[in-house]
N, C-alpha and C. Protein backbone atom coordinates (compact mmCIF):
# COMPACT_ATOMS: atom_id res chain seq x y z
N MET A 1 1.87 -11.61 14.96
CA MET A 1 0.76 -11.11 15.23
C MET A 1 -0.05 -11.09 13.53
N ALA A 2 -0.93 -11.88 13.84
CA ALA A 2 -1.97 -12.22 12.18
C ALA A 2 -2.54 -10.64 12.25
N GLY A 3 -2.77 -11.18 10.73
CA GLY A 3 -3.17 -9.38 10.12
C GLY A 3 -2.29 -8.47 10.32
N ALA A 4 -1.05 -8.41 10.77
CA ALA A 4 -0.23 -7.65 11.07
C ALA A 4 0.32 -7.50 9.24
N ARG A 5 0.82 -6.18 8.96
CA ARG A 5 1.39 -5.98 7.91
C ARG A 5 2.04 -4.40 7.78
N ASP A 6 3.21 -4.52 7.05
CA ASP A 6 4.39 -3.78 7.13
C ASP A 6 4.06 -2.57 6.46
N GLN A 7 3.11 -2.43 5.38
CA GLN A 7 2.99 -0.99 5.03
C GLN A 7 1.49 -1.59 4.84
N PHE A 8 0.62 0.07 4.78
CA PHE A 8 -0.58 0.47 4.44
C PHE A 8 -0.96 0.79 3.11
N GLU A 9 -1.61 0.67 2.31
CA GLU A 9 -1.69 1.57 1.49
C GLU A 9 -3.00 2.39 1.09
N ILE A 10 -3.15 4.01 1.59
CA ILE A 10 -4.00 4.80 1.87
C ILE A 10 -3.68 5.53 0.60
N ARG A 11 -5.30 5.54 0.17
CA ARG A 11 -5.48 6.75 -0.60
C ARG A 11 -6.73 7.71 -0.31
N PHE A 12 -6.07 9.27 -0.66
CA PHE A 12 -6.82 10.28 -0.02
C PHE A 12 -7.96 10.78 -0.94
N ARG A 13 -9.00 10.67 -0.36
CA ARG A 13 -10.27 11.66 -1.56
C ARG A 13 -10.58 12.85 -0.95
N LEU A 14 -10.08 13.79 -1.87
CA LEU A 14 -10.41 15.15 -2.00
C LEU A 14 -11.97 15.73 -1.79
N THR A 15 -12.07 16.73 -1.61
CA THR A 15 -14.00 17.18 -1.73
C THR A 15 -14.03 17.08 -3.50
N ASP A 16 -13.59 17.03 -3.90
CA ASP A 16 -14.03 17.25 -5.59
C ASP A 16 -13.87 15.97 -6.40
N GLY A 17 -13.88 14.50 -5.28
CA GLY A 17 -14.14 13.47 -5.60
C GLY A 17 -12.61 12.68 -6.08
N SER A 18 -11.58 13.44 -6.43
CA SER A 18 -10.43 13.43 -6.49
C SER A 18 -9.56 13.29 -5.87
N ASP A 19 -8.57 11.97 -5.99
CA ASP A 19 -7.45 11.37 -4.76
C ASP A 19 -6.51 11.66 -5.25
N ILE A 20 -5.70 11.64 -3.91
CA ILE A 20 -4.11 11.50 -4.01
C ILE A 20 -3.75 10.22 -3.75
N GLY A 21 -2.88 9.47 -4.34
CA GLY A 21 -2.48 8.32 -4.02
C GLY A 21 -2.70 7.27 -4.94
N PRO A 22 -3.38 5.77 -4.57
CA PRO A 22 -3.13 4.90 -3.61
C PRO A 22 -1.16 5.36 -3.04
N LYS A 23 -0.71 5.59 -1.83
CA LYS A 23 0.83 5.08 -1.50
C LYS A 23 1.15 4.56 -0.10
N SER A 24 1.78 3.89 0.20
CA SER A 24 2.35 3.24 1.15
C SER A 24 3.06 3.60 2.03
N PHE A 25 2.43 3.57 3.44
CA PHE A 25 2.81 4.28 5.04
C PHE A 25 3.24 2.67 5.40
N SER A 26 4.25 3.42 6.48
CA SER A 26 4.18 1.91 7.57
C SER A 26 2.78 2.25 9.09
N PRO A 27 3.22 1.43 9.71
CA PRO A 27 1.92 1.56 10.57
C PRO A 27 2.52 2.20 11.41
N ALA A 28 3.80 2.48 11.67
CA ALA A 28 4.21 4.10 12.53
C ALA A 28 4.16 5.08 12.25
N THR A 29 3.66 5.20 10.94
CA THR A 29 3.65 6.65 10.38
C THR A 29 2.61 7.61 11.19
N SER A 30 2.45 8.92 11.42
CA SER A 30 1.66 9.54 12.14
C SER A 30 1.09 10.34 11.31
N ILE A 31 -0.50 10.47 11.67
CA ILE A 31 -1.26 11.39 11.33
C ILE A 31 -1.02 12.69 10.86
N ALA A 32 0.08 13.16 10.83
CA ALA A 32 0.75 14.61 11.08
C ALA A 32 1.63 14.42 9.77
N THR A 33 2.10 13.31 9.75
CA THR A 33 2.33 12.88 8.76
C THR A 33 2.26 12.61 7.07
N LEU A 34 0.89 12.22 7.56
CA LEU A 34 0.26 11.94 6.47
C LEU A 34 -0.65 13.02 5.97
N LYS A 35 -0.82 14.46 6.98
CA LYS A 35 -1.01 15.59 6.63
C LYS A 35 0.21 16.24 5.95
N GLU A 36 1.20 16.39 5.83
CA GLU A 36 2.35 16.18 5.50
C GLU A 36 2.01 16.20 3.69
N SER A 37 2.57 14.80 3.72
CA SER A 37 2.44 14.23 2.45
C SER A 37 1.31 14.71 1.77
N ILE A 38 -0.08 14.78 2.59
CA ILE A 38 -1.34 15.76 1.22
C ILE A 38 -0.97 16.97 1.06
N LEU A 39 -0.01 18.06 1.91
CA LEU A 39 0.43 18.74 1.53
C LEU A 39 1.16 19.49 0.27
N SER A 40 1.87 18.23 0.25
CA SER A 40 3.05 18.04 -0.54
C SER A 40 2.81 17.55 -1.62
N GLN A 41 1.63 16.71 -1.88
CA GLN A 41 1.40 16.60 -3.10
C GLN A 41 -0.41 17.09 -3.88
N TRP A 42 -0.91 18.29 -2.63
CA TRP A 42 -1.94 18.94 -3.24
C TRP A 42 -1.73 19.12 -4.72
N PRO A 43 -3.11 19.12 -5.32
CA PRO A 43 -3.02 19.64 -6.81
C PRO A 43 -3.06 20.92 -6.71
N SER A 44 -2.12 21.46 -7.88
CA SER A 44 -1.71 23.09 -7.77
C SER A 44 -3.14 23.77 -8.61
N GLU A 45 -3.59 23.45 -9.72
CA GLU A 45 -4.92 23.82 -9.91
C GLU A 45 -6.14 23.58 -9.15
N MET A 46 -6.37 23.39 -7.61
CA MET A 46 -7.35 23.25 -7.05
C MET A 46 -6.80 24.22 -5.79
N GLU A 47 -8.53 25.31 -5.85
CA GLU A 47 -8.14 26.68 -5.08
C GLU A 47 -8.15 26.46 -3.67
N ASN A 48 -7.68 27.40 -3.30
CA ASN A 48 -8.32 27.18 -1.30
C ASN A 48 -7.58 26.25 -1.14
N GLY A 49 -6.51 25.52 -1.47
CA GLY A 49 -5.64 24.89 -1.20
C GLY A 49 -5.46 24.79 0.48
N PRO A 50 -5.17 23.88 0.75
CA PRO A 50 -4.18 23.57 2.30
C PRO A 50 -2.92 24.27 2.78
N LYS A 51 -2.55 25.64 3.41
CA LYS A 51 -1.32 25.77 3.54
C LYS A 51 -0.31 25.10 5.18
N THR A 52 -1.24 24.76 5.86
CA THR A 52 -0.62 24.44 6.52
C THR A 52 -1.47 22.68 7.48
N VAL A 53 -0.53 21.75 8.42
CA VAL A 53 -1.26 20.98 8.34
C VAL A 53 -2.63 21.00 9.71
N LYS A 54 -2.77 22.10 10.17
CA LYS A 54 -3.99 22.49 10.84
C LYS A 54 -4.84 22.56 10.13
N ASP A 55 -4.61 22.66 8.83
CA ASP A 55 -5.94 23.15 8.01
C ASP A 55 -6.39 21.86 7.34
N VAL A 56 -5.99 21.15 7.87
CA VAL A 56 -6.95 19.67 6.75
C VAL A 56 -6.84 18.62 8.12
N LYS A 57 -8.17 18.20 7.67
CA LYS A 57 -8.90 16.88 8.29
C LYS A 57 -8.91 15.44 7.96
N LEU A 58 -8.44 14.60 8.34
CA LEU A 58 -8.49 13.49 8.05
C LEU A 58 -9.88 12.44 8.29
N ILE A 59 -10.17 11.94 7.59
CA ILE A 59 -11.48 10.65 8.26
C ILE A 59 -11.28 9.58 7.89
N SER A 60 -11.49 8.43 8.72
CA SER A 60 -11.67 7.14 8.00
C SER A 60 -12.51 6.82 8.73
N ALA A 61 -13.13 5.80 8.23
CA ALA A 61 -14.29 4.67 8.77
C ALA A 61 -15.16 5.84 10.20
N GLY A 62 -15.71 6.94 9.69
CA GLY A 62 -16.78 7.89 9.89
C GLY A 62 -15.67 8.44 11.12
N LYS A 63 -14.66 8.31 11.70
CA LYS A 63 -13.95 9.45 12.64
C LYS A 63 -13.27 10.08 12.13
N ILE A 64 -12.83 11.38 12.65
CA ILE A 64 -11.63 12.52 12.40
C ILE A 64 -10.02 12.12 13.08
N LEU A 65 -9.20 11.68 12.44
CA LEU A 65 -8.01 11.35 13.15
C LEU A 65 -7.02 12.32 13.83
N GLU A 66 -6.49 11.82 14.60
CA GLU A 66 -5.53 12.83 15.77
C GLU A 66 -4.67 12.84 15.08
N ASN A 67 -3.81 14.17 15.10
CA ASN A 67 -2.19 14.06 14.84
C ASN A 67 -1.36 13.24 14.98
N ASN A 68 -1.70 13.42 16.82
CA ASN A 68 -0.13 12.18 17.64
C ASN A 68 -0.52 11.07 17.36
N ARG A 69 -1.43 10.07 16.72
CA ARG A 69 -1.83 8.77 16.75
C ARG A 69 -1.28 8.09 15.12
N THR A 70 -1.09 7.05 15.57
CA THR A 70 -0.46 6.46 14.35
C THR A 70 -1.58 6.05 13.51
N VAL A 71 -0.76 5.05 12.11
CA VAL A 71 -1.67 5.31 11.22
C VAL A 71 -2.29 3.57 11.44
N ALA A 72 -1.68 2.85 12.75
CA ALA A 72 -1.58 1.21 13.38
C ALA A 72 -3.10 1.34 13.52
N GLU A 73 -2.76 2.34 14.67
CA GLU A 73 -3.84 2.96 15.35
C GLU A 73 -5.25 2.98 15.09
N CYS A 74 -5.11 3.90 13.87
CA CYS A 74 -6.33 4.59 12.78
C CYS A 74 -7.02 3.67 12.25
N ARG A 75 -6.45 2.20 11.56
CA ARG A 75 -7.05 1.52 10.60
C ARG A 75 -8.27 1.13 11.37
N SER A 76 -9.09 0.75 10.05
CA SER A 76 -10.18 -0.28 10.52
C SER A 76 -10.19 -1.55 10.15
N PRO A 77 -10.74 -2.33 11.17
CA PRO A 77 -10.79 -3.32 11.04
C PRO A 77 -10.89 -3.81 9.16
N LEU A 78 -11.40 -3.62 8.75
CA LEU A 78 -11.78 -4.16 6.96
C LEU A 78 -10.53 -3.64 6.57
N CYS A 79 -9.33 -3.46 6.80
CA CYS A 79 -8.06 -3.60 6.06
C CYS A 79 -7.04 -4.20 6.08
N ASP A 80 -7.65 -5.21 6.99
CA ASP A 80 -6.79 -6.64 7.47
C ASP A 80 -6.64 -7.77 5.42
N ALA A 81 -7.57 -7.17 5.01
CA ALA A 81 -7.50 -7.56 3.24
C ALA A 81 -6.10 -7.81 2.99
N PRO A 82 -5.22 -8.68 2.46
CA PRO A 82 -4.17 -8.46 2.06
C PRO A 82 -3.64 -7.59 0.77
N ASP A 83 -4.85 -6.79 -0.30
CA ASP A 83 -4.73 -6.09 -0.76
C ASP A 83 -5.32 -4.84 -0.70
N ALA A 84 -5.90 -4.65 0.54
CA ALA A 84 -6.97 -3.61 0.79
C ALA A 84 -6.37 -2.53 0.67
N VAL A 85 -6.87 -1.13 -0.05
CA VAL A 85 -6.27 -0.26 0.47
C VAL A 85 -7.49 0.95 0.99
N THR A 86 -7.38 1.65 1.92
CA THR A 86 -7.65 2.72 2.67
C THR A 86 -8.00 4.01 2.48
N THR A 87 -9.50 4.04 1.95
CA THR A 87 -9.67 5.81 1.86
C THR A 87 -9.95 6.48 2.83
N MET A 88 -9.48 7.49 2.87
CA MET A 88 -9.05 8.36 3.94
C MET A 88 -9.69 10.04 3.32
N HIS A 89 -10.64 10.30 3.98
CA HIS A 89 -11.54 11.88 3.46
C HIS A 89 -10.22 12.91 3.86
N VAL A 90 -10.25 13.63 2.62
CA VAL A 90 -9.82 14.80 3.41
C VAL A 90 -10.42 15.95 3.52
N VAL A 91 -10.83 17.13 4.46
CA VAL A 91 -11.51 17.60 4.75
C VAL A 91 -10.59 19.05 5.26
N ILE A 92 -10.68 19.83 4.57
CA ILE A 92 -10.37 21.35 4.87
C ILE A 92 -10.88 22.66 5.49
N GLN A 93 -10.60 22.98 6.40
CA GLN A 93 -10.73 23.52 7.24
C GLN A 93 -10.74 25.37 6.85
N PRO A 94 -11.36 25.99 6.71
CA PRO A 94 -11.11 27.46 6.80
C PRO A 94 -9.76 28.01 7.21
N HIS A 95 -8.83 29.27 6.74
CA HIS A 95 -7.71 29.66 6.82
C HIS A 95 -8.26 31.17 8.07
N LYS A 96 -7.91 30.90 9.15
CA LYS A 96 -8.61 31.77 10.13
C LYS A 96 -8.84 33.38 9.71
N GLU A 97 -7.07 33.86 9.04
CA GLU A 97 -7.74 35.01 8.03
C GLU A 97 -8.41 35.43 7.65
N ARG A 98 -8.91 34.06 6.59
CA ARG A 98 -9.62 34.29 5.59
C ARG A 98 -11.65 34.76 5.86
N GLU A 99 -11.35 33.56 7.58
CA GLU A 99 -12.74 34.27 8.06
C GLU A 99 -12.51 35.57 8.71
N LYS A 100 -11.71 35.77 9.21
CA LYS A 100 -11.53 37.40 9.80
C LYS A 100 -12.00 38.23 8.54
N ARG A 101 -11.42 38.26 7.60
CA ARG A 101 -11.39 39.15 6.39
C ARG A 101 -12.94 39.17 5.54
N VAL A 102 -13.60 38.52 5.61
CA VAL A 102 -15.00 38.01 4.99
C VAL A 102 -15.69 38.39 6.08
N ALA A 103 -15.71 38.57 7.10
CA ALA A 103 -16.40 38.97 8.53
C ALA A 103 -16.73 40.15 8.68
N SER A 104 -14.87 41.20 8.17
CA SER A 104 -14.66 42.19 8.45
C SER A 104 -15.07 43.06 6.73
N GLU A 105 -15.68 42.52 5.95
CA GLU A 105 -15.82 43.22 4.86
C GLU A 105 -17.26 43.74 4.96
N PRO A 106 -17.50 45.04 4.50
CA PRO A 106 -18.89 45.40 4.22
C PRO A 106 -20.17 45.00 3.64
N GLN A 107 -21.07 44.34 3.83
CA GLN A 107 -21.96 44.09 3.68
C GLN A 107 -22.41 44.87 2.46
N GLN A 108 -22.71 44.21 1.02
CA GLN A 108 -23.25 44.99 0.33
C GLN A 108 -24.77 44.86 0.23
N ASN A 109 -25.79 45.87 0.10
CA ASN A 109 -27.17 46.04 -0.37
C ASN A 109 -27.37 45.45 -1.34
N LYS A 110 -28.33 44.31 -1.31
CA LYS A 110 -28.96 43.62 -2.49
C LYS A 110 -30.21 43.73 -3.15
N CYS A 111 -30.58 44.49 -2.06
CA CYS A 111 -32.00 45.27 -2.49
C CYS A 111 -31.80 47.30 -2.27
N GLY A 112 -32.65 47.46 -3.91
CA GLY A 112 -32.35 48.98 -4.04
C GLY A 112 -33.68 49.30 -3.67
N CYS A 113 -33.42 50.46 -3.47
CA CYS A 113 -34.53 51.77 -3.26
C CYS A 113 -34.37 52.64 -3.85
N VAL A 114 -35.95 52.78 -4.83
CA VAL A 114 -35.93 54.07 -5.34
C VAL A 114 -36.93 54.84 -4.44
N ILE A 115 -36.71 56.10 -4.69
CA ILE A 115 -37.14 57.19 -4.02
C ILE A 115 -37.50 58.23 -4.86
N LEU A 116 -39.46 58.43 -5.46
CA LEU A 116 -39.88 59.49 -6.54
C LEU A 116 -40.08 60.52 -6.02
């Protein structure tokens, strides 16, 4: 098959502009496995990092990648160059418990009233 490769070089771009990788992955690697790799390599100094695969979304070529798909199914046509490195953007979804906690906290008044 023309353009087929044994491995894909993938770099993960984080929201602060830093990268994880590039690292080689087989074309049969699932997107869920890529997310697990991101979790294991997540920089400890970054706050609010993902806790589970469900907290991570990967975007490549403008498309959100589904966990059950493989790297080969999601690759961009631009990746056929021999030394191409694919950059996938990593988006972290807020944790459900964080959303609930913030929503349940009482709102503090930001304006003060003075009665004379």
